[in-house]
Amino acid sequence: MRRMLTAAAALATVGAAVVIAPAASAAPAVPDLSLSITRNSCDITVTNVGGATATGVSLYSLTFGRLSTFPTTLAPGQASTYHIFDCPPGSPYPDAFLTTSANGDLNPFNNAGLLI
């Protein structure tokens, strides 16, 4: 009888341990901004290709500074386009663009572009 109680107590302890053990959780989603430039129309498009909303989104121009009319949040899959009026080939200079997010970026290497 003593052996049966011990086995039952051990089984109950193992069962309790399984219930108490923390479940594995997926890594949190992160925004991933991607910048693309359409030379013919002088459009700068920023797309959030990540799995989380990008907050504090800013678009910067080497020539013009921060482009303040750009939206500050982009949901996953959302894109926003900024049109440059004074751009090549009508302009005598190239312009570099950079986009940033306040809450991180999965791949910062696709956040820059050059309009020549």
PDB file of N, CA and C in Angstrom:
ATOM      1  N   MET A   1       0.825  -1.190   0.000  1.00  0.00           N
ATOM      2  CA  MET A   1       0.000   0.000   0.000  1.00  0.00           C
ATOM      3  C   MET A   1       0.860   1.240   0.000  1.00  0.00           C
ATOM      4  N   ARG A   2       1.907   1.198   0.749  1.00  0.00           N
ATOM      5  CA  ARG A   2       2.795   2.346   0.829  1.00  0.00           C
ATOM      6  C   ARG A   2       3.418   2.638  -0.537  1.00  0.00           C
ATOM      7  N   ARG A   3       3.795   1.591  -1.269  1.00  0.00           N
ATOM      8  CA  ARG A   3       4.390   1.751  -2.582  1.00  0.00           C
ATOM      9  C   ARG A   3       3.389   2.364  -3.552  1.00  0.00           C
ATOM     10  N   MET A   4       2.136   2.012  -3.503  1.00  0.00           N
ATOM     11  CA  MET A   4       1.111   2.561  -4.383  1.00  0.00           C
ATOM     12  C   MET A   4       0.892   4.042  -4.101  1.00  0.00           C
ATOM     13  N   LEU A   5       0.894   4.443  -2.857  1.00  0.00           N
ATOM     14  CA  LEU A   5       0.732   5.841  -2.518  1.00  0.00           C
ATOM     15  C   LEU A   5       1.925   6.656  -2.999  1.00  0.00           C
ATOM     16  N   THR A   6       3.116   6.087  -2.874  1.00  0.00           N
ATOM     17  CA  THR A   6       4.317   6.781  -3.319  1.00  0.00           C
ATOM     18  C   THR A   6       4.279   6.960  -4.841  1.00  0.00           C
ATOM     19  N   ALA A   7       3.897   5.939  -5.577  1.00  0.00           N
ATOM     20  CA  ALA A   7       3.803   6.039  -7.030  1.00  0.00           C
ATOM     21  C   ALA A   7       2.732   7.052  -7.433  1.00  0.00           C
ATOM     22  N   ALA A   8       1.599   7.033  -6.727  1.00  0.00           N
ATOM     23  CA  ALA A   8       0.537   7.998  -7.026  1.00  0.00           C
ATOM     24  C   ALA A   8       0.999   9.419  -6.716  1.00  0.00           C
ATOM     25  N   ALA A   9       1.715   9.586  -5.604  1.00  0.00           N
ATOM     26  CA  ALA A   9       2.224  10.916  -5.249  1.00  0.00           C
ATOM     27  C   ALA A   9       3.242  11.394  -6.280  1.00  0.00           C
ATOM     28  N   ALA A  10       4.094  10.485  -6.762  1.00  0.00           N
ATOM     29  CA  ALA A  10       5.084  10.845  -7.781  1.00  0.00           C
ATOM     30  C   ALA A  10       4.396  11.241  -9.083  1.00  0.00           C
ATOM     31  N   LEU A  11       3.395  10.502  -9.459  1.00  0.00           N
ATOM     32  CA  LEU A  11       2.653  10.816 -10.686  1.00  0.00           C
ATOM     33  C   LEU A  11       1.961  12.172 -10.559  1.00  0.00           C
ATOM     34  N   ALA A  12       1.392  12.458  -9.407  1.00  0.00           N
ATOM     35  CA  ALA A  12       0.741  13.744  -9.184  1.00  0.00           C
ATOM     36  C   ALA A  12       1.761  14.880  -9.241  1.00  0.00           C
ATOM     37  N   THR A  13       2.960  14.643  -8.713  1.00  0.00           N
ATOM     38  CA  THR A  13       4.012  15.662  -8.744  1.00  0.00           C
ATOM     39  C   THR A  13       4.454  15.923 -10.176  1.00  0.00           C
ATOM     40  N   VAL A  14       4.662  14.883 -10.959  1.00  0.00           N
ATOM     41  CA  VAL A  14       5.050  15.056 -12.364  1.00  0.00           C
ATOM     42  C   VAL A  14       3.954  15.783 -13.119  1.00  0.00           C
ATOM     43  N   GLY A  15       2.699  15.404 -12.880  1.00  0.00           N
ATOM     44  CA  GLY A  15       1.579  16.072 -13.539  1.00  0.00           C
ATOM     45  C   GLY A  15       1.524  17.539 -13.185  1.00  0.00           C
ATOM     46  N   ALA A  16       1.779  17.875 -11.912  1.00  0.00           N
ATOM     47  CA  ALA A  16       1.781  19.270 -11.494  1.00  0.00           C
ATOM     48  C   ALA A  16       2.919  20.028 -12.152  1.00  0.00           C
ATOM     49  N   ALA A  17       4.076  19.383 -12.293  1.00  0.00           N
ATOM     50  CA  ALA A  17       5.225  20.036 -12.919  1.00  0.00           C
ATOM     51  C   ALA A  17       4.934  20.354 -14.380  1.00  0.00           C
ATOM     52  N   VAL A  18       4.246  19.461 -15.045  1.00  0.00           N
ATOM     53  CA  VAL A  18       3.919  19.692 -16.446  1.00  0.00           C
ATOM     54  C   VAL A  18       2.966  20.871 -16.578  1.00  0.00           C
ATOM     55  N   VAL A  19       2.016  20.980 -15.671  1.00  0.00           N
ATOM     56  CA  VAL A  19       1.050  22.071 -15.717  1.00  0.00           C
ATOM     57  C   VAL A  19       1.730  23.399 -15.403  1.00  0.00           C
ATOM     58  N   ILE A  20       2.677  23.395 -14.482  1.00  0.00           N
ATOM     59  CA  ILE A  20       3.320  24.624 -14.036  1.00  0.00           C
ATOM     60  C   ILE A  20       4.388  25.104 -15.018  1.00  0.00           C
ATOM     61  N   ALA A  21       4.961  24.209 -15.793  1.00  0.00           N
ATOM     62  CA  ALA A  21       6.048  24.573 -16.700  1.00  0.00           C
ATOM     63  C   ALA A  21       5.592  25.668 -17.658  1.00  0.00           C
ATOM     64  N   PRO A  22       6.430  26.703 -17.865  1.00  0.00           N
ATOM     65  CA  PRO A  22       6.043  27.794 -18.769  1.00  0.00           C
ATOM     66  C   PRO A  22       5.990  27.318 -20.216  1.00  0.00           C
ATOM     67  N   ALA A  23       5.036  27.823 -20.923  1.00  0.00           N
ATOM     68  CA  ALA A  23       4.892  27.481 -22.335  1.00  0.00           C
ATOM     69  C   ALA A  23       5.866  28.311 -23.165  1.00  0.00           C
ATOM     70  N   ALA A  24       6.363  27.730 -24.226  1.00  0.00           N
ATOM     71  CA  ALA A  24       7.253  28.460 -25.129  1.00  0.00           C
ATOM     72  C   ALA A  24       6.450  29.526 -25.849  1.00  0.00           C
ATOM     73  N   SER A  25       7.033  30.700 -25.986  1.00  0.00           N
ATOM     74  CA  SER A  25       6.323  31.781 -26.679  1.00  0.00           C
ATOM     75  C   SER A  25       7.096  32.183 -27.929  1.00  0.00           C
ATOM     76  N   ALA A  26       6.390  32.641 -28.919  1.00  0.00           N
ATOM     77  CA  ALA A  26       7.017  33.081 -30.162  1.00  0.00           C
ATOM     78  C   ALA A  26       7.713  34.421 -29.926  1.00  0.00           C
ATOM     79  N   ALA A  27       8.736  34.699 -30.712  1.00  0.00           N
ATOM     80  CA  ALA A  27       9.433  35.971 -30.613  1.00  0.00           C
ATOM     81  C   ALA A  27       8.475  37.098 -30.993  1.00  0.00           C
ATOM     82  N   PRO A  28       8.582  38.242 -30.334  1.00  0.00           N
ATOM     83  CA  PRO A  28       7.673  39.344 -30.661  1.00  0.00           C
ATOM     84  C   PRO A  28       7.903  39.840 -32.090  1.00  0.00           C
ATOM     85  N   ALA A  29       6.841  40.289 -32.714  1.00  0.00           N
ATOM     86  CA  ALA A  29       6.932  40.807 -34.075  1.00  0.00           C
ATOM     87  C   ALA A  29       7.664  42.149 -34.060  1.00  0.00           C
ATOM     88  N   VAL A  30       8.393  42.414 -35.121  1.00  0.00           N
ATOM     89  CA  VAL A  30       9.198  43.627 -35.223  1.00  0.00           C
ATOM     90  C   VAL A  30       8.875  44.309 -36.549  1.00  0.00           C
ATOM     91  N   PRO A  31       8.837  45.657 -36.574  1.00  0.00           N
ATOM     92  CA  PRO A  31       8.650  46.339 -37.855  1.00  0.00           C
ATOM     93  C   PRO A  31       9.885  46.190 -38.732  1.00  0.00           C
ATOM     94  N   ASP A  32       9.715  46.309 -40.021  1.00  0.00           N
ATOM     95  CA  ASP A  32      10.818  46.268 -40.973  1.00  0.00           C
ATOM     96  C   ASP A  32      10.489  47.242 -42.099  1.00  0.00           C
ATOM     97  N   LEU A  33      11.078  48.423 -42.045  1.00  0.00           N
ATOM     98  CA  LEU A  33      10.842  49.422 -43.083  1.00  0.00           C
ATOM     99  C   LEU A  33      11.705  49.132 -44.299  1.00  0.00           C
ATOM    100  N   SER A  34      11.136  49.344 -45.451  1.00  0.00           N
ATOM    101  CA  SER A  34      11.844  49.156 -46.710  1.00  0.00           C
ATOM    102  C   SER A  34      11.613  50.395 -47.572  1.00  0.00           C
ATOM    103  N   LEU A  35      12.677  50.974 -48.076  1.00  0.00           N
ATOM    104  CA  LEU A  35      12.582  52.201 -48.875  1.00  0.00           C
ATOM    105  C   LEU A  35      12.849  51.870 -50.338  1.00  0.00           C
ATOM    106  N   SER A  36      12.002  52.377 -51.219  1.00  0.00           N
ATOM    107  CA  SER A  36      12.230  52.200 -52.658  1.00  0.00           C
ATOM    108  C   SER A  36      12.018  53.536 -53.354  1.00  0.00           C
ATOM    109  N   ILE A  37      12.750  53.722 -54.428  1.00  0.00           N
ATOM    110  CA  ILE A  37      12.707  54.985 -55.165  1.00  0.00           C
ATOM    111  C   ILE A  37      12.320  54.713 -56.609  1.00  0.00           C
ATOM    112  N   THR A  38      11.342  55.460 -57.098  1.00  0.00           N
ATOM    113  CA  THR A  38      10.965  55.393 -58.506  1.00  0.00           C
ATOM    114  C   THR A  38      11.532  56.640 -59.175  1.00  0.00           C
ATOM    115  N   ARG A  39      12.571  56.459 -59.947  1.00  0.00           N
ATOM    116  CA  ARG A  39      13.306  57.589 -60.530  1.00  0.00           C
ATOM    117  C   ARG A  39      12.461  58.412 -61.499  1.00  0.00           C
ATOM    118  N   ASN A  40      11.678  57.753 -62.335  1.00  0.00           N
ATOM    119  CA  ASN A  40      10.901  58.482 -63.359  1.00  0.00           C
ATOM    120  C   ASN A  40       9.883  59.437 -62.754  1.00  0.00           C
ATOM    121  N   SER A  41       9.249  59.033 -61.657  1.00  0.00           N
ATOM    122  CA  SER A  41       8.219  59.881 -61.054  1.00  0.00           C
ATOM    123  C   SER A  41       8.713  60.625 -59.818  1.00  0.00           C
ATOM    124  N   CYS A  42       9.968  60.380 -59.420  1.00  0.00           N
ATOM    125  CA  CYS A  42      10.561  61.010 -58.232  1.00  0.00           C
ATOM    126  C   CYS A  42       9.763  60.705 -56.971  1.00  0.00           C
ATOM    127  N   ASP A  43       9.316  59.453 -56.837  1.00  0.00           N
ATOM    128  CA  ASP A  43       8.561  59.024 -55.664  1.00  0.00           C
ATOM    129  C   ASP A  43       9.432  58.171 -54.749  1.00  0.00           C
ATOM    130  N   ILE A  44       9.347  58.445 -53.440  1.00  0.00           N
ATOM    131  CA  ILE A  44      10.026  57.686 -52.420  1.00  0.00           C
ATOM    132  C   ILE A  44       8.949  56.914 -51.672  1.00  0.00           C
ATOM    133  N   THR A  45       8.991  55.595 -51.709  1.00  0.00           N
ATOM    134  CA  THR A  45       7.989  54.782 -51.046  1.00  0.00           C
ATOM    135  C   THR A  45       8.615  54.033 -49.883  1.00  0.00           C
ATOM    136  N   VAL A  46       7.986  54.159 -48.733  1.00  0.00           N
ATOM    137  CA  VAL A  46       8.413  53.430 -47.544  1.00  0.00           C
ATOM    138  C   VAL A  46       7.319  52.422 -47.227  1.00  0.00           C
ATOM    139  N   THR A  47       7.700  51.148 -47.097  1.00  0.00           N
ATOM    140  CA  THR A  47       6.765  50.073 -46.816  1.00  0.00           C
ATOM    141  C   THR A  47       7.191  49.361 -45.546  1.00  0.00           C
ATOM    142  N   ASN A  48       6.250  49.059 -44.695  1.00  0.00           N
ATOM    143  CA  ASN A  48       6.536  48.258 -43.512  1.00  0.00           C
ATOM    144  C   ASN A  48       6.297  46.803 -43.883  1.00  0.00           C
ATOM    145  N   VAL A  49       7.359  46.071 -44.154  1.00  0.00           N
ATOM    146  CA  VAL A  49       7.247  44.661 -44.537  1.00  0.00           C
ATOM    147  C   VAL A  49       7.369  43.744 -43.323  1.00  0.00           C
ATOM    148  N   GLY A  50       7.464  44.325 -42.132  1.00  0.00           N
ATOM    149  CA  GLY A  50       7.574  43.549 -40.902  1.00  0.00           C
ATOM    150  C   GLY A  50       6.225  43.146 -40.353  1.00  0.00           C
ATOM    151  N   GLY A  51       6.249  42.495 -39.190  1.00  0.00           N
ATOM    152  CA  GLY A  51       5.040  41.968 -38.591  1.00  0.00           C
ATOM    153  C   GLY A  51       4.427  42.826 -37.509  1.00  0.00           C
ATOM    154  N   ALA A  52       4.994  44.008 -37.238  1.00  0.00           N
ATOM    155  CA  ALA A  52       4.449  44.894 -36.202  1.00  0.00           C
ATOM    156  C   ALA A  52       4.343  46.301 -36.751  1.00  0.00           C
ATOM    157  N   THR A  53       3.482  47.100 -36.151  1.00  0.00           N
ATOM    158  CA  THR A  53       3.324  48.495 -36.558  1.00  0.00           C
ATOM    159  C   THR A  53       4.596  49.271 -36.250  1.00  0.00           C
ATOM    160  N   ALA A  54       5.077  50.014 -37.216  1.00  0.00           N
ATOM    161  CA  ALA A  54       6.255  50.868 -37.036  1.00  0.00           C
ATOM    162  C   ALA A  54       5.775  52.216 -36.528  1.00  0.00           C
ATOM    163  N   THR A  55       6.313  52.656 -35.405  1.00  0.00           N
ATOM    164  CA  THR A  55       5.935  53.947 -34.834  1.00  0.00           C
ATOM    165  C   THR A  55       7.107  54.915 -34.943  1.00  0.00           C
ATOM    166  N   GLY A  56       6.801  56.192 -34.934  1.00  0.00           N
ATOM    167  CA  GLY A  56       7.849  57.202 -35.031  1.00  0.00           C
ATOM    168  C   GLY A  56       8.603  57.131 -36.346  1.00  0.00           C
ATOM    169  N   VAL A  57       7.901  56.800 -37.423  1.00  0.00           N
ATOM    170  CA  VAL A  57       8.535  56.680 -38.732  1.00  0.00           C
ATOM    171  C   VAL A  57       8.921  58.069 -39.229  1.00  0.00           C
ATOM    172  N   SER A  58      10.149  58.179 -39.699  1.00  0.00           N
ATOM    173  CA  SER A  58      10.631  59.436 -40.270  1.00  0.00           C
ATOM    174  C   SER A  58      11.322  59.146 -41.586  1.00  0.00           C
ATOM    175  N   LEU A  59      11.194  60.078 -42.499  1.00  0.00           N
ATOM    176  CA  LEU A  59      11.890  60.001 -43.781  1.00  0.00           C
ATOM    177  C   LEU A  59      12.818  61.201 -43.859  1.00  0.00           C
ATOM    178  N   TYR A  60      14.084  60.941 -44.133  1.00  0.00           N
ATOM    179  CA  TYR A  60      15.098  61.996 -44.187  1.00  0.00           C
ATOM    180  C   TYR A  60      15.686  62.089 -45.593  1.00  0.00           C
ATOM    181  N   SER A  61      16.022  63.308 -45.970  1.00  0.00           N
ATOM    182  CA  SER A  61      16.679  63.589 -47.242  1.00  0.00           C
ATOM    183  C   SER A  61      18.003  64.277 -46.927  1.00  0.00           C
ATOM    184  N   LEU A  62      19.055  63.875 -47.619  1.00  0.00           N
ATOM    185  CA  LEU A  62      20.352  64.524 -47.436  1.00  0.00           C
ATOM    186  C   LEU A  62      20.256  66.001 -47.808  1.00  0.00           C
ATOM    187  N   THR A  63      19.464  66.317 -48.807  1.00  0.00           N
ATOM    188  CA  THR A  63      19.316  67.691 -49.285  1.00  0.00           C
ATOM    189  C   THR A  63      18.297  68.489 -48.483  1.00  0.00           C
ATOM    190  N   PHE A  64      17.139  67.899 -48.204  1.00  0.00           N
ATOM    191  CA  PHE A  64      16.023  68.635 -47.607  1.00  0.00           C
ATOM    192  C   PHE A  64      15.870  68.427 -46.102  1.00  0.00           C
ATOM    193  N   GLY A  65      16.601  67.520 -45.491  1.00  0.00           N
ATOM    194  CA  GLY A  65      16.446  67.227 -44.067  1.00  0.00           C
ATOM    195  C   GLY A  65      15.272  66.301 -43.825  1.00  0.00           C
ATOM    196  N   ARG A  66      14.673  66.391 -42.650  1.00  0.00           N
ATOM    197  CA  ARG A  66      13.534  65.534 -42.315  1.00  0.00           C
ATOM    198  C   ARG A  66      12.305  66.002 -43.081  1.00  0.00           C
ATOM    199  N   LEU A  67      11.645  65.062 -43.736  1.00  0.00           N
ATOM    200  CA  LEU A  67      10.435  65.382 -44.494  1.00  0.00           C
ATOM    201  C   LEU A  67       9.253  65.199 -43.549  1.00  0.00           C
ATOM    202  N   SER A  68       8.818  66.284 -42.952  1.00  0.00           N
ATOM    203  CA  SER A  68       7.869  66.228 -41.841  1.00  0.00           C
ATOM    204  C   SER A  68       6.440  65.869 -42.234  1.00  0.00           C
ATOM    205  N   THR A  69       6.104  65.879 -43.505  1.00  0.00           N
ATOM    206  CA  THR A  69       4.739  65.544 -43.894  1.00  0.00           C
ATOM    207  C   THR A  69       4.545  64.039 -44.037  1.00  0.00           C
ATOM    208  N   PHE A  70       5.566  63.275 -43.757  1.00  0.00           N
ATOM    209  CA  PHE A  70       5.471  61.824 -43.858  1.00  0.00           C
ATOM    210  C   PHE A  70       4.704  61.275 -42.654  1.00  0.00           C
ATOM    211  N   PRO A  71       3.864  60.227 -42.827  1.00  0.00           N
ATOM    212  CA  PRO A  71       3.113  59.685 -41.689  1.00  0.00           C
ATOM    213  C   PRO A  71       4.051  59.102 -40.633  1.00  0.00           C
ATOM    214  N   THR A  72       3.627  59.136 -39.375  1.00  0.00           N
ATOM    215  CA  THR A  72       4.505  58.678 -38.308  1.00  0.00           C
ATOM    216  C   THR A  72       4.294  57.225 -37.905  1.00  0.00           C
ATOM    217  N   THR A  73       3.242  56.571 -38.385  1.00  0.00           N
ATOM    218  CA  THR A  73       3.053  55.143 -38.121  1.00  0.00           C
ATOM    219  C   THR A  73       2.705  54.428 -39.414  1.00  0.00           C
ATOM    220  N   LEU A  74       3.219  53.209 -39.531  1.00  0.00           N
ATOM    221  CA  LEU A  74       2.894  52.360 -40.677  1.00  0.00           C
ATOM    222  C   LEU A  74       2.563  50.972 -40.141  1.00  0.00           C
ATOM    223  N   ALA A  75       1.365  50.503 -40.406  1.00  0.00           N
ATOM    224  CA  ALA A  75       0.943  49.169 -39.993  1.00  0.00           C
ATOM    225  C   ALA A  75       1.661  48.126 -40.856  1.00  0.00           C
ATOM    226  N   PRO A  76       1.690  46.871 -40.431  1.00  0.00           N
ATOM    227  CA  PRO A  76       2.306  45.833 -41.257  1.00  0.00           C
ATOM    228  C   PRO A  76       1.677  45.794 -42.650  1.00  0.00           C
ATOM    229  N   GLY A  77       2.509  45.827 -43.666  1.00  0.00           N
ATOM    230  CA  GLY A  77       2.044  45.808 -45.048  1.00  0.00           C
ATOM    231  C   GLY A  77       1.669  47.172 -45.608  1.00  0.00           C
ATOM    232  N   GLN A  78       1.584  48.182 -44.776  1.00  0.00           N
ATOM    233  CA  GLN A  78       1.194  49.520 -45.230  1.00  0.00           C
ATOM    234  C   GLN A  78       2.385  50.231 -45.863  1.00  0.00           C
ATOM    235  N   ALA A  79       2.105  51.009 -46.913  1.00  0.00           N
ATOM    236  CA  ALA A  79       3.132  51.787 -47.604  1.00  0.00           C
ATOM    237  C   ALA A  79       2.693  53.239 -47.679  1.00  0.00           C
ATOM    238  N   SER A  80       3.664  54.117 -47.748  1.00  0.00           N
ATOM    239  CA  SER A  80       3.378  55.533 -47.915  1.00  0.00           C
ATOM    240  C   SER A  80       4.388  56.095 -48.907  1.00  0.00           C
ATOM    241  N   THR A  81       3.918  56.961 -49.782  1.00  0.00           N
ATOM    242  CA  THR A  81       4.779  57.513 -50.830  1.00  0.00           C
ATOM    243  C   THR A  81       4.927  59.013 -50.652  1.00  0.00           C
ATOM    244  N   TYR A  82       6.145  59.479 -50.827  1.00  0.00           N
ATOM    245  CA  TYR A  82       6.452  60.903 -50.758  1.00  0.00           C
ATOM    246  C   TYR A  82       6.982  61.317 -52.124  1.00  0.00           C
ATOM    247  N   HIS A  83       6.422  62.372 -52.691  1.00  0.00           N
ATOM    248  CA  HIS A  83       6.838  62.847 -54.008  1.00  0.00           C
ATOM    249  C   HIS A  83       7.827  64.002 -53.848  1.00  0.00           C
ATOM    250  N   ILE A  84       8.953  63.886 -54.525  1.00  0.00           N
ATOM    251  CA  ILE A  84       9.967  64.938 -54.513  1.00  0.00           C
ATOM    252  C   ILE A  84       9.774  65.795 -55.766  1.00  0.00           C
ATOM    253  N   PHE A  85       9.572  67.095 -55.573  1.00  0.00           N
ATOM    254  CA  PHE A  85       9.328  67.988 -56.704  1.00  0.00           C
ATOM    255  C   PHE A  85      10.625  68.421 -57.383  1.00  0.00           C
ATOM    256  N   ASP A  86      11.652  68.659 -56.610  1.00  0.00           N
ATOM    257  CA  ASP A  86      12.923  69.122 -57.159  1.00  0.00           C
ATOM    258  C   ASP A  86      13.907  67.956 -57.151  1.00  0.00           C
ATOM    259  N   CYS A  87      13.792  67.088 -58.164  1.00  0.00           N
ATOM    260  CA  CYS A  87      14.644  65.904 -58.166  1.00  0.00           C
ATOM    261  C   CYS A  87      15.263  65.693 -59.542  1.00  0.00           C
ATOM    262  N   PRO A  88      16.292  64.858 -59.603  1.00  0.00           N
ATOM    263  CA  PRO A  88      16.898  64.549 -60.901  1.00  0.00           C
ATOM    264  C   PRO A  88      15.865  63.930 -61.819  1.00  0.00           C
ATOM    265  N   PRO A  89      15.972  64.065 -63.123  1.00  0.00           N
ATOM    266  CA  PRO A  89      17.091  64.675 -63.833  1.00  0.00           C
ATOM    267  C   PRO A  89      17.014  66.195 -63.918  1.00  0.00           C
ATOM    268  N   GLY A  90      15.933  66.816 -63.445  1.00  0.00           N
ATOM    269  CA  GLY A  90      15.825  68.266 -63.497  1.00  0.00           C
ATOM    270  C   GLY A  90      16.751  68.957 -62.508  1.00  0.00           C
ATOM    271  N   SER A  91      17.125  68.274 -61.470  1.00  0.00           N
ATOM    272  CA  SER A  91      17.998  68.839 -60.456  1.00  0.00           C
ATOM    273  C   SER A  91      19.453  68.511 -60.780  1.00  0.00           C
ATOM    274  N   PRO A  92      20.378  69.407 -60.498  1.00  0.00           N
ATOM    275  CA  PRO A  92      21.786  69.151 -60.826  1.00  0.00           C
ATOM    276  C   PRO A  92      22.504  68.274 -59.797  1.00  0.00           C
ATOM    277  N   TYR A  93      21.804  67.773 -58.775  1.00  0.00           N
ATOM    278  CA  TYR A  93      22.470  67.019 -57.710  1.00  0.00           C
ATOM    279  C   TYR A  93      21.680  65.747 -57.373  1.00  0.00           C
ATOM    280  N   PRO A  94      22.367  64.705 -56.939  1.00  0.00           N
ATOM    281  CA  PRO A  94      21.669  63.505 -56.455  1.00  0.00           C
ATOM    282  C   PRO A  94      21.181  63.731 -55.027  1.00  0.00           C
ATOM    283  N   ASP A  95      20.277  62.900 -54.556  1.00  0.00           N
ATOM    284  CA  ASP A  95      19.761  63.029 -53.204  1.00  0.00           C
ATOM    285  C   ASP A  95      19.659  61.642 -52.565  1.00  0.00           C
ATOM    286  N   ALA A  96      20.167  61.518 -51.355  1.00  0.00           N
ATOM    287  CA  ALA A  96      20.086  60.272 -50.603  1.00  0.00           C
ATOM    288  C   ALA A  96      18.936  60.357 -49.614  1.00  0.00           C
ATOM    289  N   PHE A  97      18.234  59.249 -49.408  1.00  0.00           N
ATOM    290  CA  PHE A  97      17.094  59.183 -48.505  1.00  0.00           C
ATOM    291  C   PHE A  97      17.293  58.061 -47.500  1.00  0.00           C
ATOM    292  N   LEU A  98      16.760  58.279 -46.301  1.00  0.00           N
ATOM    293  CA  LEU A  98      16.856  57.306 -45.218  1.00  0.00           C
ATOM    294  C   LEU A  98      15.556  57.331 -44.434  1.00  0.00           C
ATOM    295  N   THR A  99      15.078  56.164 -44.052  1.00  0.00           N
ATOM    296  CA  THR A  99      13.894  56.091 -43.202  1.00  0.00           C
ATOM    297  C   THR A  99      14.251  55.387 -41.902  1.00  0.00           C
ATOM    298  N   THR A 100      13.624  55.826 -40.814  1.00  0.00           N
ATOM    299  CA  THR A 100      13.872  55.236 -39.498  1.00  0.00           C
ATOM    300  C   THR A 100      12.558  55.005 -38.773  1.00  0.00           C
ATOM    301  N   SER A 101      12.611  54.161 -37.760  1.00  0.00           N
ATOM    302  CA  SER A 101      11.458  53.868 -36.918  1.00  0.00           C
ATOM    303  C   SER A 101      11.895  53.970 -35.464  1.00  0.00           C
ATOM    304  N   ALA A 102      11.027  54.498 -34.609  1.00  0.00           N
ATOM    305  CA  ALA A 102      11.367  54.656 -33.198  1.00  0.00           C
ATOM    306  C   ALA A 102      11.359  53.337 -32.439  1.00  0.00           C
ATOM    307  N   ASN A 103      10.625  52.340 -32.931  1.00  0.00           N
ATOM    308  CA  ASN A 103      10.527  51.082 -32.198  1.00  0.00           C
ATOM    309  C   ASN A 103      11.285  49.938 -32.863  1.00  0.00           C
ATOM    310  N   GLY A 104      12.370  50.267 -33.542  1.00  0.00           N
ATOM    311  CA  GLY A 104      13.239  49.229 -34.093  1.00  0.00           C
ATOM    312  C   GLY A 104      12.951  48.894 -35.539  1.00  0.00           C
ATOM    313  N   ASP A 105      13.838  48.089 -36.086  1.00  0.00           N
ATOM    314  CA  ASP A 105      13.728  47.679 -37.480  1.00  0.00           C
ATOM    315  C   ASP A 105      14.449  46.353 -37.633  1.00  0.00           C
ATOM    316  N   LEU A 106      13.765  45.374 -38.205  1.00  0.00           N
ATOM    317  CA  LEU A 106      14.330  44.046 -38.371  1.00  0.00           C
ATOM    318  C   LEU A 106      15.531  44.047 -39.307  1.00  0.00           C
ATOM    319  N   ASN A 107      15.501  44.869 -40.348  1.00  0.00           N
ATOM    320  CA  ASN A 107      16.579  44.902 -41.332  1.00  0.00           C
ATOM    321  C   ASN A 107      16.872  46.352 -41.713  1.00  0.00           C
ATOM    322  N   PRO A 108      17.799  47.017 -41.019  1.00  0.00           N
ATOM    323  CA  PRO A 108      18.069  48.430 -41.311  1.00  0.00           C
ATOM    324  C   PRO A 108      18.815  48.650 -42.629  1.00  0.00           C
ATOM    325  N   PHE A 109      19.273  47.577 -43.268  1.00  0.00           N
ATOM    326  CA  PHE A 109      20.045  47.724 -44.500  1.00  0.00           C
ATOM    327  C   PHE A 109      19.188  48.047 -45.716  1.00  0.00           C
ATOM    328  N   ASN A 110      17.856  47.923 -45.608  1.00  0.00           N
ATOM    329  CA  ASN A 110      16.980  48.281 -46.729  1.00  0.00           C
ATOM    330  C   ASN A 110      16.260  49.610 -46.480  1.00  0.00           C
ATOM    331  N   ASN A 111      16.848  50.452 -45.637  1.00  0.00           N
ATOM    332  CA  ASN A 111      16.211  51.713 -45.246  1.00  0.00           C
ATOM    333  C   ASN A 111      16.779  52.934 -45.972  1.00  0.00           C
ATOM    334  N   ALA A 112      17.650  52.735 -46.934  1.00  0.00           N
ATOM    335  CA  ALA A 112      18.288  53.866 -47.607  1.00  0.00           C
ATOM    336  C   ALA A 112      18.203  53.704 -49.116  1.00  0.00           C
ATOM    337  N   GLY A 113      18.246  54.830 -49.805  1.00  0.00           N
ATOM    338  CA  GLY A 113      18.240  54.823 -51.261  1.00  0.00           C
ATOM    339  C   GLY A 113      18.813  56.097 -51.804  1.00  0.00           C
ATOM    340  N   LEU A 114      19.210  56.064 -53.047  1.00  0.00           N
ATOM    341  CA  LEU A 114      19.811  57.217 -53.709  1.00  0.00           C
ATOM    342  C   LEU A 114      19.024  57.542 -54.969  1.00  0.00           C
ATOM    343  N   LEU A 115      18.637  58.806 -55.098  1.00  0.00           N
ATOM    344  CA  LEU A 115      17.930  59.286 -56.280  1.00  0.00           C
ATOM    345  C   LEU A 115      18.926  60.084 -57.101  1.00  0.00           C
ATOM    346  N   ILE A 116      19.259  59.544 -58.266  1.00  0.00           N
ATOM    347  CA  ILE A 116      20.281  60.181 -59.127  1.00  0.00           C
ATOM    348  C   ILE A 116      19.625  60.741 -60.367  1.00  0.00           C
TER     349      ILE A 116
END
